């Protein structure tokens, strides 16, 4: 005696592509009524239809179509988005669940679905921790020369100036970000005339901004 245990993972929409052919038959169930055809496409002749909830064995998949073994009727091809995987569990005390995996991969040729029986791959490692803002140490230092040379002035991240004083107006050629933060420089006062935002130090500003900065702001 067996009972069917439905998995939470569902097949995706018809626009997704089923991955490579299954190595062996895998149990599936029809999510709604769907035609069974002699080949993988609507241009092939109709052999019959699946009823909602009908159980089949998925033999292989090509594109967005899967070949199913119907047991009690003609086998054929069914649109994959009308199927979902199931696993079989034995009622015996010593029975074990059949491992079943299901996933979606997005590659250069678009998304694809893969499913099969077997142990699932290990999850990817978590992303590395991101640096946290430290307002007491995070600074932006501006320089009158390239390569962080010439006269300099440093401000804490969060500082801004709508109009640079004489001696700094149209004099900045490089700046350094110490710690975390962003620097936005603008060609005109009051953050006008075109602005650029940087998240890393600039040893030499591009020609459109070198010696052409009249306002700035810093922030996280």
N, C-alpha and C. Protein backbone atom coordinates (compact mmCIF):
# COMPACT_ATOMS: atom_id res chain seq x y z
N UNK A 1 0.86 -1.18 0.00
CA UNK A 1 0.00 0.00 0.00
C UNK A 1 0.90 1.24 0.00
N UNK A 2 0.62 2.14 -0.89
CA UNK A 2 1.40 3.37 -0.98
C UNK A 2 0.47 4.57 -0.93
N UNK A 3 0.98 5.66 -0.55
CA UNK A 3 0.20 6.91 -0.63
C UNK A 3 1.04 8.00 -1.29
N UNK A 4 0.38 8.90 -1.94
CA UNK A 4 1.08 9.95 -2.69
C UNK A 4 1.25 11.18 -1.80
N UNK A 5 2.45 11.67 -1.73
CA UNK A 5 2.73 12.88 -0.95
C UNK A 5 3.12 13.98 -1.91
N UNK A 6 2.30 15.01 -2.04
CA UNK A 6 2.57 16.10 -2.98
C UNK A 6 3.69 16.97 -2.44
N UNK A 7 4.61 17.34 -3.32
CA UNK A 7 5.70 18.24 -2.92
C UNK A 7 5.25 19.68 -3.04
N UNK A 8 5.91 20.56 -2.28
CA UNK A 8 5.57 21.99 -2.32
C UNK A 8 6.02 22.63 -3.62
N UNK A 9 7.14 22.12 -4.21
CA UNK A 9 7.66 22.75 -5.43
C UNK A 9 6.75 22.45 -6.60
N UNK A 10 6.40 23.47 -7.37
CA UNK A 10 5.55 23.33 -8.55
C UNK A 10 6.36 23.59 -9.80
N UNK A 11 5.91 22.98 -10.92
CA UNK A 11 6.52 23.33 -12.19
C UNK A 11 6.26 24.79 -12.50
N UNK A 12 7.20 25.46 -13.19
CA UNK A 12 7.04 26.87 -13.53
C UNK A 12 6.14 27.00 -14.74
N UNK A 13 5.96 28.25 -15.24
CA UNK A 13 5.08 28.52 -16.37
C UNK A 13 5.66 27.98 -17.65
N UNK A 14 4.86 28.00 -18.71
CA UNK A 14 5.27 27.39 -19.97
C UNK A 14 6.44 28.09 -20.61
N UNK A 15 6.74 29.31 -20.23
CA UNK A 15 7.85 30.04 -20.83
C UNK A 15 9.19 29.52 -20.38
N UNK A 16 9.23 28.74 -19.28
CA UNK A 16 10.48 28.17 -18.82
C UNK A 16 10.72 26.87 -19.57
N UNK A 17 11.99 26.46 -19.63
CA UNK A 17 12.36 25.26 -20.35
C UNK A 17 12.74 24.17 -19.37
N UNK A 18 12.24 22.95 -19.60
CA UNK A 18 12.63 21.82 -18.78
C UNK A 18 14.06 21.44 -19.13
N UNK A 19 14.84 21.05 -18.13
CA UNK A 19 16.24 20.75 -18.32
C UNK A 19 16.44 19.43 -19.06
N UNK A 20 17.63 18.85 -18.91
CA UNK A 20 17.98 17.64 -19.64
C UNK A 20 17.09 16.48 -19.24
N UNK A 21 17.04 15.47 -20.11
CA UNK A 21 16.15 14.32 -19.90
C UNK A 21 16.45 13.65 -18.57
N UNK A 22 15.39 13.15 -17.92
CA UNK A 22 15.56 12.46 -16.64
C UNK A 22 16.29 11.15 -16.86
N UNK A 23 17.08 10.73 -15.86
CA UNK A 23 17.84 9.49 -15.99
C UNK A 23 16.92 8.29 -15.87
N UNK A 24 15.82 8.41 -15.13
CA UNK A 24 14.82 7.35 -15.02
C UNK A 24 13.46 7.98 -14.77
N UNK A 25 12.44 7.11 -14.80
CA UNK A 25 11.08 7.63 -14.65
C UNK A 25 10.90 8.31 -13.31
N UNK A 26 10.16 9.41 -13.32
CA UNK A 26 9.88 10.15 -12.11
C UNK A 26 8.37 10.37 -12.00
N UNK A 27 7.80 10.18 -10.83
CA UNK A 27 6.35 10.32 -10.70
C UNK A 27 5.91 11.76 -10.83
N UNK A 28 4.79 11.97 -11.51
CA UNK A 28 4.22 13.30 -11.67
C UNK A 28 2.71 13.23 -11.63
N UNK A 29 2.06 14.39 -11.54
CA UNK A 29 0.61 14.45 -11.49
C UNK A 29 0.15 15.63 -12.34
N UNK A 30 -0.95 15.45 -13.05
CA UNK A 30 -1.51 16.52 -13.89
C UNK A 30 -2.19 17.56 -13.00
N UNK A 31 -1.86 18.82 -13.20
CA UNK A 31 -2.47 19.89 -12.40
C UNK A 31 -3.82 20.30 -12.95
N UNK A 32 -4.12 19.95 -14.22
CA UNK A 32 -5.42 20.21 -14.82
C UNK A 32 -5.54 19.35 -16.07
N UNK A 33 -6.70 19.37 -16.71
CA UNK A 33 -6.88 18.61 -17.92
C UNK A 33 -5.95 19.10 -19.03
N UNK A 34 -5.30 18.18 -19.74
CA UNK A 34 -4.35 18.56 -20.79
C UNK A 34 -4.28 17.45 -21.83
N UNK A 35 -4.06 17.84 -23.09
CA UNK A 35 -3.98 16.87 -24.18
C UNK A 35 -2.68 16.09 -24.13
N UNK A 36 -2.74 14.82 -24.52
CA UNK A 36 -1.57 13.97 -24.71
C UNK A 36 -1.34 13.86 -26.22
N UNK A 37 -0.12 14.18 -26.68
CA UNK A 37 0.14 14.22 -28.12
C UNK A 37 1.25 13.24 -28.50
N UNK A 38 1.33 12.98 -29.81
CA UNK A 38 2.29 12.00 -30.31
C UNK A 38 3.71 12.54 -30.36
N UNK A 39 3.89 13.82 -30.19
CA UNK A 39 5.22 14.42 -30.20
C UNK A 39 5.24 15.67 -29.34
N UNK A 40 6.44 16.25 -29.13
CA UNK A 40 6.59 17.41 -28.23
C UNK A 40 6.19 18.73 -28.90
N UNK A 41 4.90 18.93 -29.08
CA UNK A 41 4.42 20.17 -29.69
C UNK A 41 2.95 20.08 -30.05
N UNK A 42 2.31 21.24 -30.18
CA UNK A 42 0.88 21.24 -30.50
C UNK A 42 0.59 20.83 -31.93
N UNK A 43 1.63 20.77 -32.77
CA UNK A 43 1.42 20.35 -34.16
C UNK A 43 1.26 18.84 -34.30
N UNK A 44 1.60 18.09 -33.26
CA UNK A 44 1.49 16.63 -33.32
C UNK A 44 0.05 16.20 -32.98
N UNK A 45 -0.29 15.03 -33.44
CA UNK A 45 -1.67 14.55 -33.29
C UNK A 45 -2.00 14.27 -31.82
N UNK A 46 -3.29 14.40 -31.50
CA UNK A 46 -3.78 14.17 -30.15
C UNK A 46 -4.05 12.69 -29.95
N UNK A 47 -3.48 12.12 -28.86
CA UNK A 47 -3.67 10.71 -28.55
C UNK A 47 -4.70 10.50 -27.46
N UNK A 48 -4.99 11.53 -26.72
CA UNK A 48 -5.92 11.42 -25.60
C UNK A 48 -5.74 12.63 -24.71
N UNK A 49 -6.07 12.53 -23.44
CA UNK A 49 -5.93 13.66 -22.52
C UNK A 49 -5.76 13.15 -21.10
N UNK A 50 -5.07 13.95 -20.29
CA UNK A 50 -4.95 13.66 -18.86
C UNK A 50 -6.06 14.37 -18.11
N UNK A 51 -6.51 13.76 -17.06
CA UNK A 51 -7.48 14.39 -16.17
C UNK A 51 -6.74 15.05 -15.01
N UNK A 52 -7.37 16.03 -14.42
CA UNK A 52 -6.78 16.70 -13.25
C UNK A 52 -6.52 15.67 -12.15
N UNK A 53 -5.30 15.65 -11.65
CA UNK A 53 -4.93 14.72 -10.60
C UNK A 53 -4.47 13.36 -11.07
N UNK A 54 -4.46 13.13 -12.41
CA UNK A 54 -4.03 11.83 -12.92
C UNK A 54 -2.53 11.66 -12.72
N UNK A 55 -2.14 10.46 -12.26
CA UNK A 55 -0.74 10.15 -11.98
C UNK A 55 -0.07 9.55 -13.21
N UNK A 56 1.17 9.97 -13.47
CA UNK A 56 1.93 9.47 -14.61
C UNK A 56 3.38 9.28 -14.17
N UNK A 57 4.15 8.58 -15.00
CA UNK A 57 5.60 8.50 -14.84
C UNK A 57 6.24 9.36 -15.92
N UNK A 58 7.00 10.36 -15.54
CA UNK A 58 7.68 11.22 -16.50
C UNK A 58 8.96 10.52 -16.95
N UNK A 59 9.02 10.17 -18.25
CA UNK A 59 10.15 9.42 -18.79
C UNK A 59 11.30 10.32 -19.22
N UNK A 60 10.98 11.43 -19.89
CA UNK A 60 11.99 12.38 -20.36
C UNK A 60 11.31 13.69 -20.72
N UNK A 61 12.13 14.74 -20.88
CA UNK A 61 11.61 16.05 -21.25
C UNK A 61 12.44 16.65 -22.37
N UNK A 62 11.77 17.33 -23.29
CA UNK A 62 12.43 18.05 -24.37
C UNK A 62 11.79 19.42 -24.46
N UNK A 63 12.58 20.46 -24.29
CA UNK A 63 12.02 21.80 -24.30
C UNK A 63 10.99 21.93 -23.19
N UNK A 64 9.80 22.36 -23.53
CA UNK A 64 8.75 22.54 -22.53
C UNK A 64 7.72 21.41 -22.59
N UNK A 65 8.14 20.23 -23.10
CA UNK A 65 7.26 19.08 -23.20
C UNK A 65 7.90 17.87 -22.53
N UNK A 66 7.08 17.00 -21.93
CA UNK A 66 7.57 15.80 -21.26
C UNK A 66 6.80 14.58 -21.78
N UNK A 67 7.53 13.46 -21.95
CA UNK A 67 6.93 12.20 -22.36
C UNK A 67 6.51 11.45 -21.10
N UNK A 68 5.23 11.06 -21.05
CA UNK A 68 4.69 10.44 -19.84
C UNK A 68 4.17 9.04 -20.13
N UNK A 69 4.36 8.15 -19.15
CA UNK A 69 3.81 6.79 -19.16
C UNK A 69 2.51 6.83 -18.36
N UNK A 70 1.38 6.57 -19.04
CA UNK A 70 0.07 6.72 -18.42
C UNK A 70 -0.43 5.46 -17.73
N UNK A 71 0.23 4.32 -17.93
CA UNK A 71 -0.13 3.04 -17.30
C UNK A 71 -1.45 2.48 -17.85
N UNK A 72 -2.54 3.25 -17.77
CA UNK A 72 -3.85 2.71 -18.17
C UNK A 72 -4.30 3.21 -19.54
N UNK A 73 -3.50 4.00 -20.24
CA UNK A 73 -3.92 4.53 -21.53
C UNK A 73 -2.68 4.80 -22.37
N UNK A 74 -2.87 5.43 -23.52
CA UNK A 74 -1.76 5.66 -24.44
C UNK A 74 -0.74 6.64 -23.84
N UNK A 75 0.53 6.27 -23.98
CA UNK A 75 1.60 7.16 -23.56
C UNK A 75 1.76 8.27 -24.59
N UNK A 76 2.37 9.38 -24.20
CA UNK A 76 2.60 10.46 -25.15
C UNK A 76 3.23 11.67 -24.49
N UNK A 77 3.18 12.78 -25.20
CA UNK A 77 3.84 14.03 -24.78
C UNK A 77 2.81 15.00 -24.21
N UNK A 78 3.19 15.66 -23.12
CA UNK A 78 2.32 16.60 -22.42
C UNK A 78 3.11 17.88 -22.15
N UNK A 79 2.44 19.04 -22.27
CA UNK A 79 3.08 20.31 -21.92
C UNK A 79 3.49 20.29 -20.45
N UNK A 80 4.77 20.60 -20.17
CA UNK A 80 5.31 20.41 -18.82
C UNK A 80 4.65 21.31 -17.78
N UNK A 81 4.13 22.47 -18.21
CA UNK A 81 3.56 23.37 -17.21
C UNK A 81 2.22 22.87 -16.67
N UNK A 82 1.73 21.73 -17.19
CA UNK A 82 0.51 21.11 -16.65
C UNK A 82 0.84 19.94 -15.73
N UNK A 83 2.13 19.79 -15.37
CA UNK A 83 2.56 18.70 -14.50
C UNK A 83 3.24 19.25 -13.26
N UNK A 84 3.20 18.49 -12.20
CA UNK A 84 4.02 18.80 -11.03
C UNK A 84 4.56 17.50 -10.48
N UNK A 85 5.74 17.55 -9.82
CA UNK A 85 6.35 16.31 -9.33
C UNK A 85 5.69 15.83 -8.06
N UNK A 86 5.74 14.51 -7.84
CA UNK A 86 5.29 13.91 -6.58
C UNK A 86 6.32 12.89 -6.16
N UNK A 87 6.32 12.57 -4.87
CA UNK A 87 7.19 11.52 -4.35
C UNK A 87 6.32 10.45 -3.71
N UNK A 88 6.79 9.24 -3.71
CA UNK A 88 6.05 8.12 -3.15
C UNK A 88 6.66 7.73 -1.82
N UNK A 89 5.81 7.55 -0.82
CA UNK A 89 6.26 7.18 0.52
C UNK A 89 5.60 5.87 0.93
N UNK A 90 6.41 4.93 1.42
CA UNK A 90 5.89 3.63 1.84
C UNK A 90 5.31 3.75 3.25
N UNK A 91 4.22 3.00 3.52
CA UNK A 91 3.61 3.03 4.84
C UNK A 91 4.39 2.21 5.87
N UNK A 92 5.31 1.36 5.40
CA UNK A 92 6.04 0.51 6.34
C UNK A 92 6.87 1.37 7.28
N UNK A 93 7.10 0.81 8.50
CA UNK A 93 7.81 1.57 9.51
C UNK A 93 9.24 1.89 9.09
N UNK A 94 9.86 0.98 8.34
CA UNK A 94 11.26 1.19 7.98
C UNK A 94 11.41 1.85 6.62
N UNK A 95 10.34 2.37 6.04
CA UNK A 95 10.43 3.00 4.72
C UNK A 95 11.04 4.38 4.85
N UNK A 96 11.71 4.79 3.77
CA UNK A 96 12.33 6.11 3.72
C UNK A 96 11.77 6.89 2.54
N UNK A 97 11.70 8.21 2.67
CA UNK A 97 11.26 9.05 1.56
C UNK A 97 12.23 8.93 0.39
N UNK A 98 11.68 8.97 -0.80
CA UNK A 98 12.53 9.00 -1.99
C UNK A 98 13.05 10.42 -2.17
N UNK A 99 14.39 10.62 -2.16
CA UNK A 99 14.90 11.99 -2.35
C UNK A 99 14.44 12.53 -3.69
N UNK A 100 14.04 13.76 -3.71
CA UNK A 100 13.50 14.37 -4.93
C UNK A 100 13.98 15.82 -4.95
N UNK A 101 14.58 16.25 -6.04
CA UNK A 101 15.03 17.63 -6.11
C UNK A 101 14.44 18.32 -7.31
N UNK A 102 14.31 19.62 -7.19
CA UNK A 102 13.63 20.44 -8.19
C UNK A 102 14.20 21.84 -8.11
N UNK A 103 14.63 22.39 -9.21
CA UNK A 103 15.23 23.73 -9.14
C UNK A 103 15.13 24.47 -10.46
N UNK A 104 15.39 25.75 -10.40
CA UNK A 104 15.37 26.62 -11.57
C UNK A 104 16.75 27.25 -11.71
N UNK A 105 17.31 27.21 -12.93
CA UNK A 105 18.61 27.81 -13.21
C UNK A 105 18.46 28.84 -14.31
N UNK A 106 19.04 30.02 -14.13
CA UNK A 106 19.00 31.08 -15.13
C UNK A 106 20.39 31.20 -15.74
N UNK A 107 20.50 30.95 -17.04
CA UNK A 107 21.78 31.02 -17.73
C UNK A 107 21.75 31.97 -18.90
N UNK A 108 22.78 31.87 -19.75
CA UNK A 108 22.89 32.79 -20.89
C UNK A 108 21.74 32.61 -21.86
N UNK A 109 21.19 31.40 -21.95
CA UNK A 109 20.10 31.12 -22.89
C UNK A 109 18.73 31.22 -22.24
N UNK A 110 18.65 31.81 -21.05
CA UNK A 110 17.38 31.97 -20.39
C UNK A 110 17.21 30.96 -19.26
N UNK A 111 16.06 30.98 -18.59
CA UNK A 111 15.84 30.08 -17.45
C UNK A 111 15.56 28.66 -17.89
N UNK A 112 15.90 27.69 -17.02
CA UNK A 112 15.59 26.28 -17.28
C UNK A 112 15.22 25.63 -15.97
N UNK A 113 14.42 24.58 -16.06
CA UNK A 113 13.99 23.83 -14.88
C UNK A 113 14.66 22.47 -14.91
N UNK A 114 15.12 22.00 -13.77
CA UNK A 114 15.65 20.65 -13.67
C UNK A 114 14.99 19.96 -12.49
N UNK A 115 14.69 18.67 -12.64
CA UNK A 115 14.12 17.93 -11.54
C UNK A 115 14.55 16.49 -11.66
N UNK A 116 14.67 15.80 -10.55
CA UNK A 116 15.12 14.42 -10.59
C UNK A 116 15.09 13.80 -9.22
N UNK A 117 15.41 12.51 -9.15
CA UNK A 117 15.46 11.78 -7.90
C UNK A 117 16.91 11.67 -7.49
N UNK A 118 17.20 12.00 -6.26
CA UNK A 118 18.57 11.98 -5.76
C UNK A 118 18.78 13.04 -4.72
N UNK A 119 19.94 13.06 -4.11
CA UNK A 119 20.23 14.04 -3.07
C UNK A 119 20.39 15.41 -3.67
N UNK A 120 19.87 16.42 -2.99
CA UNK A 120 19.98 17.79 -3.47
C UNK A 120 21.41 18.30 -3.27
N UNK A 121 21.90 19.18 -4.16
CA UNK A 121 23.24 19.74 -3.99
C UNK A 121 23.27 20.65 -2.76
N UNK A 122 24.47 20.80 -2.24
CA UNK A 122 24.64 21.66 -1.07
C UNK A 122 24.29 23.10 -1.44
N UNK A 123 23.66 23.84 -0.53
CA UNK A 123 23.31 25.24 -0.82
C UNK A 123 24.56 26.08 -0.98
N UNK A 124 24.49 27.17 -1.76
CA UNK A 124 25.66 28.02 -1.94
C UNK A 124 26.05 28.69 -0.63
N UNK A 125 27.34 29.03 -0.47
CA UNK A 125 27.76 29.68 0.77
C UNK A 125 27.15 31.07 0.88
N UNK A 126 26.95 31.54 2.10
CA UNK A 126 26.38 32.89 2.27
C UNK A 126 27.34 33.95 1.74
N UNK A 127 26.83 35.10 1.32
CA UNK A 127 27.71 36.17 0.82
C UNK A 127 28.59 36.70 1.93
N UNK A 128 29.77 37.22 1.58
CA UNK A 128 30.65 37.76 2.62
C UNK A 128 30.02 38.97 3.29
N UNK A 129 30.32 39.20 4.55
CA UNK A 129 29.74 40.36 5.24
C UNK A 129 30.18 41.67 4.62
N UNK A 130 29.28 42.61 4.58
CA UNK A 130 29.57 43.92 4.01
C UNK A 130 30.08 44.85 5.11
N UNK A 131 31.01 45.77 4.76
CA UNK A 131 31.52 46.70 5.77
C UNK A 131 30.40 47.59 6.30
N UNK A 132 30.39 47.79 7.60
CA UNK A 132 29.38 48.62 8.23
C UNK A 132 29.88 50.06 8.37
N UNK A 133 28.98 51.03 8.18
CA UNK A 133 29.39 52.43 8.32
C UNK A 133 29.92 52.72 9.72
N UNK A 134 30.95 53.54 9.78
CA UNK A 134 31.54 53.99 11.04
C UNK A 134 31.70 55.50 10.95
N UNK A 135 30.66 56.25 11.31
CA UNK A 135 30.70 57.71 11.13
C UNK A 135 31.91 58.38 11.75
N UNK A 136 32.47 57.79 12.81
CA UNK A 136 33.62 58.41 13.46
C UNK A 136 34.90 58.28 12.64
N UNK A 137 34.95 57.26 11.75
CA UNK A 137 36.18 57.01 10.99
C UNK A 137 36.03 57.22 9.50
N UNK A 138 34.81 57.16 8.98
CA UNK A 138 34.60 57.28 7.54
C UNK A 138 34.74 58.73 7.11
N UNK A 139 35.59 58.97 6.12
CA UNK A 139 35.87 60.34 5.67
C UNK A 139 36.01 60.40 4.16
N UNK A 140 35.92 61.60 3.63
CA UNK A 140 36.25 61.88 2.24
C UNK A 140 37.28 63.00 2.24
N UNK A 141 38.38 62.80 1.54
CA UNK A 141 39.46 63.79 1.47
C UNK A 141 39.61 64.26 0.03
N UNK A 142 39.60 65.57 -0.17
CA UNK A 142 39.70 66.18 -1.50
C UNK A 142 41.10 66.75 -1.69
N UNK A 143 41.59 66.66 -2.93
CA UNK A 143 42.95 67.10 -3.23
C UNK A 143 42.93 68.02 -4.45
N UNK A 144 43.83 69.00 -4.42
CA UNK A 144 43.94 69.94 -5.53
C UNK A 144 44.75 69.38 -6.69
N UNK A 145 45.48 68.30 -6.47
CA UNK A 145 46.27 67.66 -7.52
C UNK A 145 45.85 66.24 -7.77
N UNK A 146 46.30 65.67 -8.87
CA UNK A 146 46.00 64.26 -9.16
C UNK A 146 46.82 63.37 -8.24
N UNK A 147 46.43 62.11 -8.15
CA UNK A 147 47.13 61.13 -7.32
C UNK A 147 47.19 61.56 -5.86
N UNK A 148 46.15 62.26 -5.41
CA UNK A 148 46.02 62.67 -4.00
C UNK A 148 47.18 63.55 -3.56
N UNK A 149 47.51 64.52 -4.39
CA UNK A 149 48.60 65.44 -4.07
C UNK A 149 48.06 66.87 -4.00
N UNK A 150 48.91 67.79 -3.59
CA UNK A 150 48.53 69.19 -3.47
C UNK A 150 47.80 69.44 -2.16
N UNK A 151 47.22 70.62 -2.02
CA UNK A 151 46.49 70.94 -0.80
C UNK A 151 45.30 70.00 -0.66
N UNK A 152 44.95 69.69 0.60
CA UNK A 152 43.89 68.71 0.84
C UNK A 152 42.98 69.19 1.96
N UNK A 153 41.79 68.63 1.98
CA UNK A 153 40.81 68.90 3.03
C UNK A 153 39.96 67.66 3.20
N UNK A 154 39.75 67.22 4.45
CA UNK A 154 38.97 66.02 4.73
C UNK A 154 37.70 66.38 5.50
N UNK A 155 36.60 65.68 5.19
CA UNK A 155 35.33 65.88 5.88
C UNK A 155 34.77 64.52 6.26
N UNK A 156 33.93 64.47 7.28
CA UNK A 156 33.26 63.23 7.66
C UNK A 156 32.17 62.91 6.63
N UNK A 157 31.92 61.61 6.43
CA UNK A 157 30.83 61.21 5.54
C UNK A 157 29.51 61.74 6.10
N UNK A 158 28.77 62.41 5.26
CA UNK A 158 27.55 63.09 5.68
C UNK A 158 27.66 64.59 5.47
N UNK A 159 28.90 65.08 5.30
CA UNK A 159 29.10 66.51 5.06
C UNK A 159 28.80 66.86 3.61
N UNK A 160 28.48 68.13 3.36
CA UNK A 160 28.20 68.60 2.01
C UNK A 160 28.49 70.09 1.94
N UNK A 161 28.59 70.58 0.71
CA UNK A 161 28.79 72.02 0.50
C UNK A 161 28.08 72.41 -0.79
N UNK A 162 27.17 73.38 -0.70
CA UNK A 162 26.44 73.82 -1.90
C UNK A 162 27.27 74.78 -2.74
N UNK A 163 28.34 75.33 -2.17
CA UNK A 163 29.20 76.25 -2.92
C UNK A 163 30.58 76.22 -2.31
N UNK A 164 31.58 75.78 -3.08
CA UNK A 164 32.94 75.71 -2.56
C UNK A 164 33.55 77.11 -2.46
N UNK A 165 34.32 77.32 -1.41
CA UNK A 165 34.94 78.63 -1.16
C UNK A 165 36.08 78.85 -2.15
N UNK A 166 36.46 80.10 -2.37
CA UNK A 166 37.62 80.37 -3.23
C UNK A 166 38.84 79.59 -2.72
N UNK A 167 39.61 79.10 -3.64
CA UNK A 167 40.73 78.23 -3.30
C UNK A 167 40.39 76.76 -3.48
N UNK A 168 39.08 76.44 -3.43
CA UNK A 168 38.63 75.08 -3.69
C UNK A 168 37.64 75.03 -4.85
N UNK A 169 36.97 76.12 -5.14
CA UNK A 169 36.02 76.14 -6.25
C UNK A 169 36.77 75.91 -7.56
N UNK A 170 36.37 74.87 -8.27
CA UNK A 170 37.00 74.48 -9.54
C UNK A 170 38.48 74.17 -9.38
N UNK A 171 38.85 73.58 -8.24
CA UNK A 171 40.25 73.25 -7.99
C UNK A 171 40.47 71.77 -7.70
N UNK A 172 39.43 71.00 -7.48
CA UNK A 172 39.58 69.59 -7.08
C UNK A 172 39.94 68.72 -8.29
N UNK A 173 41.00 67.90 -8.12
CA UNK A 173 41.41 66.99 -9.19
C UNK A 173 41.38 65.52 -8.77
N UNK A 174 41.30 65.24 -7.48
CA UNK A 174 41.21 63.85 -7.01
C UNK A 174 40.61 63.85 -5.61
N UNK A 175 40.11 62.70 -5.20
CA UNK A 175 39.61 62.56 -3.82
C UNK A 175 39.74 61.12 -3.37
N UNK A 176 39.76 60.95 -2.06
CA UNK A 176 39.95 59.62 -1.48
C UNK A 176 38.80 59.36 -0.49
N UNK A 177 38.20 58.17 -0.57
CA UNK A 177 37.18 57.75 0.38
C UNK A 177 37.86 56.82 1.39
N UNK A 178 37.81 57.19 2.65
CA UNK A 178 38.42 56.41 3.72
C UNK A 178 37.30 55.72 4.49
N UNK A 179 37.29 54.40 4.48
CA UNK A 179 36.20 53.65 5.11
C UNK A 179 35.05 53.46 4.14
N UNK A 180 33.83 53.66 4.61
CA UNK A 180 32.63 53.49 3.78
C UNK A 180 32.04 54.84 3.45
N UNK A 181 31.29 54.89 2.35
CA UNK A 181 30.61 56.13 1.96
C UNK A 181 30.64 56.37 0.47
N UNK A 182 29.90 57.39 0.04
CA UNK A 182 29.83 57.79 -1.36
C UNK A 182 30.12 59.28 -1.46
N UNK A 183 30.66 59.68 -2.59
CA UNK A 183 30.95 61.09 -2.86
C UNK A 183 30.25 61.49 -4.15
N UNK A 184 29.46 62.55 -4.09
CA UNK A 184 28.79 63.10 -5.26
C UNK A 184 29.37 64.49 -5.53
N UNK A 185 29.94 64.69 -6.71
CA UNK A 185 30.51 65.97 -7.09
C UNK A 185 29.67 66.58 -8.21
N UNK A 186 29.53 67.91 -8.18
CA UNK A 186 28.71 68.60 -9.17
C UNK A 186 29.48 69.78 -9.75
N UNK A 187 29.24 70.09 -11.01
CA UNK A 187 30.00 71.13 -11.69
C UNK A 187 29.56 72.54 -11.28
N UNK A 188 28.31 72.69 -10.87
CA UNK A 188 27.80 74.02 -10.51
C UNK A 188 27.41 74.05 -9.04
N UNK A 189 27.25 75.26 -8.46
CA UNK A 189 26.77 75.34 -7.09
C UNK A 189 25.38 74.73 -6.94
N UNK A 190 25.02 74.44 -5.69
CA UNK A 190 23.70 73.89 -5.38
C UNK A 190 23.43 72.58 -6.12
N UNK A 191 24.49 71.79 -6.30
CA UNK A 191 24.38 70.46 -6.91
C UNK A 191 23.75 70.53 -8.31
N UNK A 192 24.18 71.50 -9.08
CA UNK A 192 23.68 71.66 -10.45
C UNK A 192 24.78 71.45 -11.47
N UNK A 193 24.39 71.59 -12.74
CA UNK A 193 25.36 71.53 -13.83
C UNK A 193 25.85 70.15 -14.18
N UNK A 194 25.22 69.12 -13.65
CA UNK A 194 25.67 67.75 -13.90
C UNK A 194 26.47 67.23 -12.72
N UNK A 195 26.13 66.06 -12.22
CA UNK A 195 26.78 65.48 -11.05
C UNK A 195 27.19 64.04 -11.33
N UNK A 196 28.16 63.55 -10.58
CA UNK A 196 28.61 62.16 -10.67
C UNK A 196 28.78 61.62 -9.27
N UNK A 197 28.35 60.37 -9.05
CA UNK A 197 28.44 59.72 -7.75
C UNK A 197 29.50 58.63 -7.82
N UNK A 198 30.39 58.59 -6.83
CA UNK A 198 31.46 57.61 -6.77
C UNK A 198 31.39 56.85 -5.45
N UNK A 199 31.74 55.58 -5.49
CA UNK A 199 31.77 54.75 -4.29
C UNK A 199 33.19 54.32 -3.95
N UNK A 200 34.17 54.82 -4.70
CA UNK A 200 35.57 54.50 -4.42
C UNK A 200 36.42 55.72 -4.73
N UNK A 201 37.64 55.71 -4.23
CA UNK A 201 38.56 56.84 -4.43
C UNK A 201 38.86 57.05 -5.91
N UNK A 202 39.10 58.30 -6.27
CA UNK A 202 39.43 58.67 -7.65
C UNK A 202 40.76 59.42 -7.66
N UNK A 203 41.78 58.77 -8.21
CA UNK A 203 43.10 59.40 -8.22
C UNK A 203 43.22 60.48 -9.28
N UNK A 204 42.31 60.48 -10.24
CA UNK A 204 42.32 61.51 -11.28
C UNK A 204 40.90 61.63 -11.83
N UNK A 205 40.26 62.76 -11.60
CA UNK A 205 38.89 62.94 -12.07
C UNK A 205 38.85 63.01 -13.59
N UNK A 206 37.75 62.59 -14.21
CA UNK A 206 37.63 62.68 -15.66
C UNK A 206 37.66 64.14 -16.09
N UNK A 207 37.99 64.41 -17.37
CA UNK A 207 38.12 65.79 -17.84
C UNK A 207 36.90 66.66 -17.56
N UNK A 208 35.70 66.10 -17.59
CA UNK A 208 34.51 66.91 -17.39
C UNK A 208 34.35 67.39 -15.95
N UNK A 209 35.13 66.80 -15.02
CA UNK A 209 35.04 67.20 -13.61
C UNK A 209 36.36 67.71 -13.03
N UNK A 210 37.48 67.37 -13.64
CA UNK A 210 38.77 67.84 -13.13
C UNK A 210 38.81 69.37 -13.16
N UNK A 211 39.12 69.99 -12.02
CA UNK A 211 39.14 71.45 -11.90
C UNK A 211 37.81 72.07 -12.32
N UNK A 212 36.73 71.32 -12.07
CA UNK A 212 35.41 71.81 -12.49
C UNK A 212 34.33 71.34 -11.51
N UNK A 213 34.65 71.41 -10.19
CA UNK A 213 33.71 71.02 -9.15
C UNK A 213 33.39 72.23 -8.29
N UNK A 214 32.11 72.57 -8.18
CA UNK A 214 31.70 73.74 -7.39
C UNK A 214 30.83 73.37 -6.18
N UNK A 215 30.35 72.12 -6.09
CA UNK A 215 29.58 71.67 -4.93
C UNK A 215 29.74 70.16 -4.80
N UNK A 216 29.50 69.67 -3.59
CA UNK A 216 29.63 68.23 -3.35
C UNK A 216 28.75 67.84 -2.18
N UNK A 217 28.48 66.53 -2.08
CA UNK A 217 27.85 65.97 -0.90
C UNK A 217 28.33 64.55 -0.69
N UNK A 218 28.40 64.13 0.55
CA UNK A 218 28.85 62.78 0.91
C UNK A 218 27.77 62.09 1.72
N UNK A 219 27.62 60.80 1.53
CA UNK A 219 26.58 60.07 2.25
C UNK A 219 26.86 58.58 2.15
N UNK A 220 26.07 57.78 2.90
CA UNK A 220 26.19 56.32 2.84
C UNK A 220 25.23 55.76 1.81
